[in-house]
């Protein structure tokens, strides 16, 4: 039997929710892009869950979300796994060490996590031999995506807080 707040429940939730979001991100989101800018749905969920539950759960969700993204990606295997696991862990650790009563905190954390995720992906792709024009990618894709992710985080974080209350365990935050 799976208890509320257990590790198994966390993993099953991650597989179900992040698998579905990775499928949406790979199929529907590219069609709905705004001026070529697409939100990072899986990243948003991982960061929000990390804020709500901490670094360990954030790393689990990052790994599962990265695995799901890599399954639907045409890029090198493991890029999303590595980047999202690191981001999930660091976002959760930052939340522990910084004040969560400030509305600016989740906004800044989402922006920073979005930048870190994309820059880690670019770095890994570059190490794998892919040519990535860094300045153009930063200005045309990474920064606009980070801004869009911040705007969407205002809807995602309350949903993750509600999910945390539903499944139990973790910290109990208010939004």
N, C-alpha and C. Protein backbone atom coordinates (compact mmCIF):
# COMPACT_ATOMS: atom_id res chain seq x y z
N UNK A 1 0.83 -1.18 0.00
CA UNK A 1 0.00 0.00 0.00
C UNK A 1 0.88 1.25 0.00
N UNK A 2 0.51 2.22 -0.82
CA UNK A 2 1.28 3.47 -0.91
C UNK A 2 0.70 4.47 0.07
N UNK A 3 1.55 4.96 0.98
CA UNK A 3 1.11 5.94 1.97
C UNK A 3 1.23 7.34 1.40
N UNK A 4 0.37 8.21 1.89
CA UNK A 4 0.47 9.63 1.53
C UNK A 4 1.83 10.14 1.93
N UNK A 5 2.46 10.90 1.01
CA UNK A 5 3.76 11.50 1.31
C UNK A 5 4.93 10.56 1.12
N UNK A 6 4.72 9.34 0.63
CA UNK A 6 5.81 8.39 0.50
C UNK A 6 6.62 8.65 -0.77
N UNK A 7 7.81 8.10 -0.79
CA UNK A 7 8.69 8.23 -1.96
C UNK A 7 8.05 7.58 -3.18
N UNK A 8 7.44 6.43 -3.00
CA UNK A 8 6.80 5.74 -4.14
C UNK A 8 5.70 6.61 -4.74
N UNK A 9 4.90 7.22 -3.90
CA UNK A 9 3.84 8.10 -4.40
C UNK A 9 4.44 9.27 -5.16
N UNK A 10 5.52 9.84 -4.65
CA UNK A 10 6.20 10.95 -5.31
C UNK A 10 6.68 10.52 -6.71
N UNK A 11 7.26 9.33 -6.82
CA UNK A 11 7.76 8.85 -8.11
C UNK A 11 6.60 8.58 -9.07
N UNK A 12 5.54 7.95 -8.58
CA UNK A 12 4.39 7.68 -9.45
C UNK A 12 3.73 8.97 -9.93
N UNK A 13 3.60 9.94 -9.04
CA UNK A 13 3.07 11.24 -9.44
C UNK A 13 3.95 11.89 -10.49
N UNK A 14 5.25 11.83 -10.28
CA UNK A 14 6.19 12.43 -11.22
C UNK A 14 6.07 11.77 -12.59
N UNK A 15 6.00 10.46 -12.64
CA UNK A 15 5.89 9.75 -13.91
C UNK A 15 4.60 10.14 -14.62
N UNK A 16 3.50 10.14 -13.91
CA UNK A 16 2.21 10.44 -14.51
C UNK A 16 2.13 11.90 -14.97
N UNK A 17 2.43 12.82 -14.08
CA UNK A 17 2.28 14.25 -14.39
C UNK A 17 3.34 14.72 -15.38
N UNK A 18 4.60 14.39 -15.11
CA UNK A 18 5.67 14.89 -15.97
C UNK A 18 5.70 14.18 -17.32
N UNK A 19 5.31 12.91 -17.34
CA UNK A 19 5.21 12.20 -18.62
C UNK A 19 4.18 12.86 -19.52
N UNK A 20 3.03 13.20 -18.93
CA UNK A 20 1.99 13.89 -19.70
C UNK A 20 2.42 15.27 -20.16
N UNK A 21 3.09 16.00 -19.28
CA UNK A 21 3.56 17.34 -19.65
C UNK A 21 4.66 17.28 -20.71
N UNK A 22 5.54 16.29 -20.62
CA UNK A 22 6.59 16.16 -21.63
C UNK A 22 5.97 15.84 -22.99
N UNK A 23 4.93 15.03 -23.00
CA UNK A 23 4.23 14.73 -24.26
C UNK A 23 3.59 16.00 -24.82
N UNK A 24 2.92 16.77 -23.95
CA UNK A 24 2.34 18.05 -24.39
C UNK A 24 3.42 19.02 -24.87
N UNK A 25 4.50 19.10 -24.13
CA UNK A 25 5.58 20.02 -24.49
C UNK A 25 6.20 19.64 -25.83
N UNK A 26 6.24 18.37 -26.15
CA UNK A 26 6.86 17.92 -27.39
C UNK A 26 5.92 17.96 -28.58
N UNK A 27 4.61 17.96 -28.33
CA UNK A 27 3.67 17.87 -29.44
C UNK A 27 2.82 19.12 -29.63
N UNK A 28 2.20 19.61 -28.58
CA UNK A 28 1.25 20.71 -28.68
C UNK A 28 1.92 22.07 -28.53
N UNK A 29 2.82 22.21 -27.59
CA UNK A 29 3.44 23.51 -27.29
C UNK A 29 4.15 24.13 -28.50
N UNK A 30 4.89 23.36 -29.29
CA UNK A 30 5.54 23.99 -30.45
C UNK A 30 4.55 24.67 -31.41
N UNK A 31 3.35 24.16 -31.49
CA UNK A 31 2.33 24.75 -32.35
C UNK A 31 1.78 26.04 -31.73
N UNK A 32 1.78 26.12 -30.41
CA UNK A 32 1.22 27.27 -29.70
C UNK A 32 2.26 28.31 -29.31
N UNK A 33 3.45 28.24 -29.88
CA UNK A 33 4.50 29.17 -29.48
C UNK A 33 4.08 30.61 -29.74
N UNK A 34 4.56 31.49 -28.89
CA UNK A 34 4.27 32.92 -28.99
C UNK A 34 5.52 33.60 -29.55
N UNK A 35 5.44 34.06 -30.76
CA UNK A 35 6.57 34.69 -31.46
C UNK A 35 7.81 33.78 -31.40
N UNK A 36 7.58 32.49 -31.56
CA UNK A 36 8.68 31.53 -31.52
C UNK A 36 9.15 31.14 -30.14
N UNK A 37 8.55 31.70 -29.10
CA UNK A 37 8.94 31.39 -27.72
C UNK A 37 7.97 30.37 -27.15
N UNK A 38 8.53 29.31 -26.59
CA UNK A 38 7.72 28.23 -26.03
C UNK A 38 8.02 28.07 -24.54
N UNK A 39 6.98 27.89 -23.74
CA UNK A 39 7.24 27.67 -22.31
C UNK A 39 7.84 26.29 -22.07
N UNK A 40 8.54 26.16 -20.98
CA UNK A 40 9.12 24.88 -20.56
C UNK A 40 8.22 24.30 -19.47
N UNK A 41 7.17 23.59 -19.89
CA UNK A 41 6.17 23.09 -18.94
C UNK A 41 6.78 22.16 -17.89
N UNK A 42 7.61 21.24 -18.33
CA UNK A 42 8.21 20.29 -17.39
C UNK A 42 9.12 21.02 -16.41
N UNK A 43 9.90 21.94 -16.89
CA UNK A 43 10.76 22.74 -16.01
C UNK A 43 9.93 23.49 -14.97
N UNK A 44 8.82 24.09 -15.40
CA UNK A 44 7.96 24.83 -14.47
C UNK A 44 7.45 23.91 -13.35
N UNK A 45 7.04 22.72 -13.71
CA UNK A 45 6.54 21.78 -12.69
C UNK A 45 7.65 21.34 -11.75
N UNK A 46 8.82 21.07 -12.30
CA UNK A 46 9.95 20.64 -11.47
C UNK A 46 10.35 21.74 -10.49
N UNK A 47 10.43 22.98 -10.96
CA UNK A 47 10.82 24.09 -10.08
C UNK A 47 9.76 24.31 -9.00
N UNK A 48 8.50 24.31 -9.40
CA UNK A 48 7.42 24.52 -8.42
C UNK A 48 7.42 23.40 -7.38
N UNK A 49 7.58 22.15 -7.81
CA UNK A 49 7.60 21.02 -6.87
C UNK A 49 8.81 21.12 -5.95
N UNK A 50 9.94 21.60 -6.48
CA UNK A 50 11.13 21.78 -5.67
C UNK A 50 10.91 22.84 -4.60
N UNK A 51 10.22 23.91 -4.96
CA UNK A 51 9.92 24.97 -3.98
C UNK A 51 9.02 24.42 -2.89
N UNK A 52 8.05 23.62 -3.28
CA UNK A 52 7.08 23.09 -2.33
C UNK A 52 7.66 21.96 -1.48
N UNK A 53 8.46 21.07 -2.10
CA UNK A 53 8.88 19.85 -1.42
C UNK A 53 10.36 19.77 -1.06
N UNK A 54 11.20 20.64 -1.64
CA UNK A 54 12.62 20.60 -1.31
C UNK A 54 13.46 19.92 -2.38
N UNK A 55 14.77 19.93 -2.14
CA UNK A 55 15.74 19.48 -3.12
C UNK A 55 15.68 18.01 -3.48
N UNK A 56 15.46 17.13 -2.52
CA UNK A 56 15.44 15.70 -2.82
C UNK A 56 14.27 15.36 -3.75
N UNK A 57 13.08 15.83 -3.41
CA UNK A 57 11.93 15.59 -4.28
C UNK A 57 12.08 16.32 -5.60
N UNK A 58 12.68 17.51 -5.57
CA UNK A 58 12.94 18.25 -6.80
C UNK A 58 13.87 17.50 -7.73
N UNK A 59 14.90 16.87 -7.17
CA UNK A 59 15.84 16.09 -7.98
C UNK A 59 15.15 14.87 -8.60
N UNK A 60 14.27 14.23 -7.82
CA UNK A 60 13.52 13.08 -8.35
C UNK A 60 12.64 13.53 -9.51
N UNK A 61 11.91 14.62 -9.31
CA UNK A 61 11.04 15.13 -10.37
C UNK A 61 11.88 15.61 -11.56
N UNK A 62 13.05 16.19 -11.30
CA UNK A 62 13.92 16.61 -12.39
C UNK A 62 14.40 15.43 -13.21
N UNK A 63 14.78 14.35 -12.53
CA UNK A 63 15.24 13.15 -13.23
C UNK A 63 14.12 12.56 -14.08
N UNK A 64 12.95 12.39 -13.48
CA UNK A 64 11.82 11.81 -14.21
C UNK A 64 11.39 12.71 -15.37
N UNK A 65 11.31 14.02 -15.11
CA UNK A 65 10.94 14.96 -16.17
C UNK A 65 11.97 14.99 -17.29
N UNK A 66 13.24 14.95 -16.94
CA UNK A 66 14.30 14.91 -17.94
C UNK A 66 14.26 13.64 -18.76
N UNK A 67 14.00 12.53 -18.09
CA UNK A 67 13.87 11.25 -18.79
C UNK A 67 12.72 11.31 -19.80
N UNK A 68 11.59 11.85 -19.36
CA UNK A 68 10.44 11.96 -20.26
C UNK A 68 10.75 12.88 -21.44
N UNK A 69 11.40 14.02 -21.18
CA UNK A 69 11.76 14.93 -22.28
C UNK A 69 12.74 14.27 -23.24
N UNK A 70 13.73 13.56 -22.70
CA UNK A 70 14.71 12.90 -23.56
C UNK A 70 14.07 11.80 -24.41
N UNK A 71 13.04 11.16 -23.89
CA UNK A 71 12.34 10.14 -24.67
C UNK A 71 11.67 10.73 -25.91
N UNK A 72 11.19 11.97 -25.79
CA UNK A 72 10.49 12.63 -26.89
C UNK A 72 11.40 13.54 -27.71
N UNK A 73 12.67 13.61 -27.37
CA UNK A 73 13.60 14.55 -28.01
C UNK A 73 14.41 13.85 -29.09
N UNK A 74 14.83 14.63 -30.06
CA UNK A 74 15.73 14.12 -31.08
C UNK A 74 17.18 14.42 -30.75
N UNK A 75 17.41 15.03 -29.61
CA UNK A 75 18.77 15.40 -29.21
C UNK A 75 19.49 14.25 -28.53
N UNK A 76 20.72 14.52 -28.11
CA UNK A 76 21.50 13.48 -27.42
C UNK A 76 20.82 13.04 -26.12
N UNK A 77 20.90 11.76 -25.87
CA UNK A 77 20.29 11.17 -24.68
C UNK A 77 20.97 11.69 -23.42
N UNK A 78 20.17 12.11 -22.44
CA UNK A 78 20.67 12.49 -21.13
C UNK A 78 20.80 13.98 -20.90
N UNK A 79 20.66 14.80 -21.95
CA UNK A 79 20.82 16.25 -21.78
C UNK A 79 19.78 16.78 -20.81
N UNK A 80 18.52 16.47 -21.05
CA UNK A 80 17.44 16.96 -20.18
C UNK A 80 17.49 16.31 -18.80
N UNK A 81 17.87 15.04 -18.76
CA UNK A 81 17.97 14.35 -17.47
C UNK A 81 18.96 15.08 -16.57
N UNK A 82 20.15 15.34 -17.10
CA UNK A 82 21.18 16.01 -16.32
C UNK A 82 20.74 17.41 -15.91
N UNK A 83 20.29 18.20 -16.88
CA UNK A 83 19.95 19.59 -16.60
C UNK A 83 18.79 19.71 -15.62
N UNK A 84 17.72 18.94 -15.81
CA UNK A 84 16.56 19.06 -14.91
C UNK A 84 16.83 18.49 -13.52
N UNK A 85 17.65 17.46 -13.43
CA UNK A 85 17.99 16.92 -12.10
C UNK A 85 18.76 17.96 -11.30
N UNK A 86 19.74 18.59 -11.93
CA UNK A 86 20.52 19.65 -11.27
C UNK A 86 19.61 20.81 -10.87
N UNK A 87 18.76 21.25 -11.79
CA UNK A 87 17.87 22.38 -11.51
C UNK A 87 16.89 22.04 -10.39
N UNK A 88 16.32 20.84 -10.41
CA UNK A 88 15.39 20.43 -9.35
C UNK A 88 16.04 20.41 -7.99
N UNK A 89 17.25 19.88 -7.93
CA UNK A 89 17.99 19.84 -6.66
C UNK A 89 18.32 21.24 -6.17
N UNK A 90 18.89 22.06 -7.04
CA UNK A 90 19.30 23.41 -6.63
C UNK A 90 18.11 24.30 -6.28
N UNK A 91 17.02 24.18 -7.02
CA UNK A 91 15.83 24.98 -6.71
C UNK A 91 15.29 24.63 -5.33
N UNK A 92 15.29 23.35 -5.00
CA UNK A 92 14.83 22.93 -3.67
C UNK A 92 15.77 23.37 -2.56
N UNK A 93 17.06 23.33 -2.82
CA UNK A 93 18.03 23.77 -1.82
C UNK A 93 17.98 25.27 -1.62
N UNK A 94 17.77 26.00 -2.72
CA UNK A 94 17.66 27.46 -2.60
C UNK A 94 16.45 27.83 -1.77
N UNK A 95 15.37 27.09 -1.94
CA UNK A 95 14.14 27.39 -1.20
C UNK A 95 14.36 27.21 0.29
N UNK A 96 15.14 26.21 0.68
CA UNK A 96 15.39 25.96 2.09
C UNK A 96 16.18 27.12 2.70
N UNK A 97 17.10 27.69 1.94
CA UNK A 97 18.00 28.70 2.47
C UNK A 97 17.51 30.14 2.32
N UNK A 98 16.44 30.34 1.56
CA UNK A 98 15.94 31.68 1.33
C UNK A 98 14.50 31.80 1.84
N UNK A 99 14.06 33.01 2.02
CA UNK A 99 12.70 33.24 2.52
C UNK A 99 11.66 32.87 1.47
N UNK A 100 10.68 32.08 1.87
CA UNK A 100 9.62 31.73 0.93
C UNK A 100 8.37 32.56 1.13
N UNK A 101 8.40 33.51 2.04
CA UNK A 101 7.25 34.36 2.27
C UNK A 101 7.21 35.56 1.33
N UNK A 102 8.20 35.69 0.50
CA UNK A 102 8.33 36.81 -0.41
C UNK A 102 7.87 36.38 -1.80
N UNK A 103 6.96 37.12 -2.40
CA UNK A 103 6.45 36.80 -3.74
C UNK A 103 7.56 36.87 -4.78
N UNK A 104 8.57 37.69 -4.53
CA UNK A 104 9.67 37.83 -5.46
C UNK A 104 10.53 36.56 -5.52
N UNK A 105 10.56 35.81 -4.43
CA UNK A 105 11.42 34.63 -4.38
C UNK A 105 11.07 33.59 -5.45
N UNK A 106 9.82 33.10 -5.54
CA UNK A 106 9.55 32.09 -6.57
C UNK A 106 9.73 32.64 -7.99
N UNK A 107 9.48 33.93 -8.15
CA UNK A 107 9.67 34.56 -9.46
C UNK A 107 11.15 34.54 -9.84
N UNK A 108 11.99 34.99 -8.95
CA UNK A 108 13.44 35.02 -9.21
C UNK A 108 13.99 33.61 -9.37
N UNK A 109 13.50 32.68 -8.55
CA UNK A 109 13.96 31.30 -8.63
C UNK A 109 13.57 30.67 -9.96
N UNK A 110 12.36 30.92 -10.41
CA UNK A 110 11.91 30.38 -11.70
C UNK A 110 12.75 30.96 -12.84
N UNK A 111 13.00 32.26 -12.79
CA UNK A 111 13.82 32.90 -13.82
C UNK A 111 15.22 32.30 -13.83
N UNK A 112 15.84 32.21 -12.67
CA UNK A 112 17.19 31.65 -12.57
C UNK A 112 17.25 30.19 -12.97
N UNK A 113 16.26 29.42 -12.56
CA UNK A 113 16.22 27.99 -12.91
C UNK A 113 16.04 27.80 -14.41
N UNK A 114 15.23 28.64 -15.01
CA UNK A 114 15.03 28.57 -16.46
C UNK A 114 16.33 28.87 -17.20
N UNK A 115 17.02 29.92 -16.77
CA UNK A 115 18.32 30.25 -17.38
C UNK A 115 19.32 29.12 -17.19
N UNK A 116 19.41 28.61 -15.97
CA UNK A 116 20.35 27.53 -15.67
C UNK A 116 20.06 26.30 -16.50
N UNK A 117 18.79 25.91 -16.59
CA UNK A 117 18.41 24.73 -17.37
C UNK A 117 18.86 24.87 -18.83
N UNK A 118 18.49 25.98 -19.44
CA UNK A 118 18.83 26.17 -20.85
C UNK A 118 20.34 26.29 -21.07
N UNK A 119 21.03 26.97 -20.18
CA UNK A 119 22.48 27.09 -20.32
C UNK A 119 23.19 25.75 -20.10
N UNK A 120 22.69 24.93 -19.17
CA UNK A 120 23.24 23.58 -19.00
C UNK A 120 23.02 22.75 -20.26
N UNK A 121 21.83 22.85 -20.84
CA UNK A 121 21.55 22.11 -22.08
C UNK A 121 22.50 22.55 -23.20
N UNK A 122 22.70 23.86 -23.33
CA UNK A 122 23.62 24.38 -24.36
C UNK A 122 25.03 23.89 -24.10
N UNK A 123 25.46 23.91 -22.85
CA UNK A 123 26.81 23.46 -22.51
C UNK A 123 27.01 21.98 -22.85
N UNK A 124 26.04 21.15 -22.48
CA UNK A 124 26.15 19.72 -22.76
C UNK A 124 26.12 19.47 -24.26
N UNK A 125 25.24 20.16 -24.98
CA UNK A 125 25.20 20.02 -26.43
C UNK A 125 26.53 20.45 -27.06
N UNK A 126 27.10 21.53 -26.57
CA UNK A 126 28.40 21.99 -27.09
C UNK A 126 29.49 20.96 -26.83
N UNK A 127 29.48 20.38 -25.63
CA UNK A 127 30.46 19.33 -25.31
C UNK A 127 30.27 18.09 -26.18
N UNK A 128 29.03 17.87 -26.61
CA UNK A 128 28.74 16.71 -27.47
C UNK A 128 29.06 17.00 -28.94
N UNK A 129 29.56 18.21 -29.22
CA UNK A 129 29.97 18.52 -30.57
C UNK A 129 28.96 19.31 -31.40
N UNK A 130 27.83 19.66 -30.79
CA UNK A 130 26.84 20.46 -31.51
C UNK A 130 27.30 21.91 -31.54
N UNK A 131 27.10 22.57 -32.65
CA UNK A 131 27.42 24.00 -32.76
C UNK A 131 26.21 24.79 -32.34
N UNK A 132 26.35 25.52 -31.26
CA UNK A 132 25.25 26.34 -30.73
C UNK A 132 25.74 27.78 -30.65
N UNK A 133 25.13 28.69 -31.44
CA UNK A 133 25.52 30.10 -31.35
C UNK A 133 25.02 30.69 -30.03
N UNK A 134 25.91 30.84 -29.07
CA UNK A 134 25.52 31.18 -27.70
C UNK A 134 24.79 32.51 -27.59
N UNK A 135 25.32 33.58 -28.16
CA UNK A 135 24.70 34.88 -28.01
C UNK A 135 23.30 34.92 -28.64
N UNK A 136 23.18 34.41 -29.86
CA UNK A 136 21.87 34.38 -30.51
C UNK A 136 20.89 33.52 -29.72
N UNK A 137 21.34 32.36 -29.26
CA UNK A 137 20.47 31.46 -28.49
C UNK A 137 20.03 32.13 -27.20
N UNK A 138 20.95 32.82 -26.56
CA UNK A 138 20.63 33.51 -25.31
C UNK A 138 19.59 34.60 -25.52
N UNK A 139 19.80 35.43 -26.52
CA UNK A 139 18.92 36.58 -26.73
C UNK A 139 17.57 36.22 -27.37
N UNK A 140 17.57 35.26 -28.27
CA UNK A 140 16.36 34.94 -29.02
C UNK A 140 15.53 33.85 -28.35
N UNK A 141 16.16 32.95 -27.64
CA UNK A 141 15.42 31.81 -27.08
C UNK A 141 15.44 31.78 -25.56
N UNK A 142 16.62 31.79 -24.97
CA UNK A 142 16.74 31.53 -23.53
C UNK A 142 16.10 32.63 -22.68
N UNK A 143 16.44 33.89 -22.92
CA UNK A 143 15.86 34.98 -22.12
C UNK A 143 14.34 35.12 -22.30
N UNK A 144 13.82 35.11 -23.55
CA UNK A 144 12.36 35.19 -23.69
C UNK A 144 11.63 33.99 -23.06
N UNK A 145 12.23 32.82 -23.15
CA UNK A 145 11.62 31.64 -22.51
C UNK A 145 11.59 31.79 -21.00
N UNK A 146 12.67 32.31 -20.43
CA UNK A 146 12.72 32.52 -18.98
C UNK A 146 11.64 33.50 -18.53
N UNK A 147 11.42 34.55 -19.31
CA UNK A 147 10.38 35.53 -18.97
C UNK A 147 8.99 34.89 -19.06
N UNK A 148 8.74 34.13 -20.12
CA UNK A 148 7.46 33.45 -20.26
C UNK A 148 7.25 32.44 -19.12
N UNK A 149 8.30 31.71 -18.75
CA UNK A 149 8.21 30.76 -17.64
C UNK A 149 7.85 31.45 -16.34
N UNK A 150 8.42 32.63 -16.10
CA UNK A 150 8.09 33.39 -14.89
C UNK A 150 6.61 33.74 -14.87
N UNK A 151 6.10 34.21 -15.99
CA UNK A 151 4.67 34.57 -16.05
C UNK A 151 3.79 33.36 -15.78
N UNK A 152 4.15 32.22 -16.33
CA UNK A 152 3.35 31.01 -16.13
C UNK A 152 3.50 30.43 -14.73
N UNK A 153 4.60 30.76 -14.06
CA UNK A 153 4.83 30.22 -12.72
C UNK A 153 3.78 30.69 -11.72
N UNK A 154 3.16 31.83 -11.99
CA UNK A 154 2.12 32.32 -11.09
C UNK A 154 0.89 31.42 -11.10
N UNK A 155 0.70 30.64 -12.16
CA UNK A 155 -0.40 29.68 -12.21
C UNK A 155 0.05 28.30 -11.73
N UNK A 156 1.31 27.95 -12.01
CA UNK A 156 1.79 26.59 -11.71
C UNK A 156 2.05 26.38 -10.22
N UNK A 157 2.66 27.35 -9.55
CA UNK A 157 3.00 27.17 -8.15
C UNK A 157 1.77 26.91 -7.26
N UNK A 158 0.69 27.66 -7.40
CA UNK A 158 -0.49 27.34 -6.57
C UNK A 158 -1.03 25.92 -6.85
N UNK A 159 -0.94 25.47 -8.09
CA UNK A 159 -1.38 24.10 -8.41
C UNK A 159 -0.51 23.07 -7.71
N UNK A 160 0.78 23.31 -7.65
CA UNK A 160 1.69 22.36 -6.99
C UNK A 160 1.51 22.40 -5.47
N UNK A 161 1.21 23.58 -4.94
CA UNK A 161 0.92 23.67 -3.50
C UNK A 161 -0.34 22.86 -3.19
N UNK A 162 -1.34 22.98 -4.04
CA UNK A 162 -2.57 22.20 -3.85
C UNK A 162 -2.31 20.70 -3.97
N UNK A 163 -1.49 20.30 -4.93
CA UNK A 163 -1.16 18.88 -5.08
C UNK A 163 -0.41 18.38 -3.85
N UNK A 164 0.49 19.19 -3.32
CA UNK A 164 1.23 18.82 -2.11
C UNK A 164 0.27 18.59 -0.94
N UNK A 165 -0.71 19.46 -0.80
CA UNK A 165 -1.70 19.28 0.28
C UNK A 165 -2.50 18.00 0.08
N UNK A 166 -2.80 17.70 -1.18
CA UNK A 166 -3.59 16.51 -1.50
C UNK A 166 -2.85 15.22 -1.18
N UNK A 167 -1.56 15.16 -1.51
CA UNK A 167 -0.80 13.93 -1.30
C UNK A 167 -0.13 13.87 0.06
N UNK A 168 -0.03 14.99 0.76
CA UNK A 168 0.57 15.00 2.09
C UNK A 168 2.08 14.94 2.02
N UNK A 169 2.71 15.13 3.15
CA UNK A 169 4.16 15.13 3.21
C UNK A 169 4.73 16.45 2.77
N UNK A 170 6.01 16.60 2.87
CA UNK A 170 6.66 17.84 2.43
C UNK A 170 6.27 19.02 3.30
N UNK A 171 6.68 20.19 2.88
CA UNK A 171 6.37 21.42 3.60
C UNK A 171 4.98 21.88 3.21
N UNK A 172 4.33 22.56 4.09
CA UNK A 172 3.02 23.11 3.78
C UNK A 172 3.16 24.61 3.56
N UNK A 173 3.09 25.02 2.30
CA UNK A 173 3.24 26.42 1.94
C UNK A 173 1.89 27.03 1.62
N UNK A 174 1.82 28.33 1.70
CA UNK A 174 0.63 29.06 1.26
C UNK A 174 1.04 29.98 0.13
N UNK A 175 0.14 30.26 -0.74
CA UNK A 175 0.41 31.18 -1.85
C UNK A 175 -0.58 32.29 -1.82
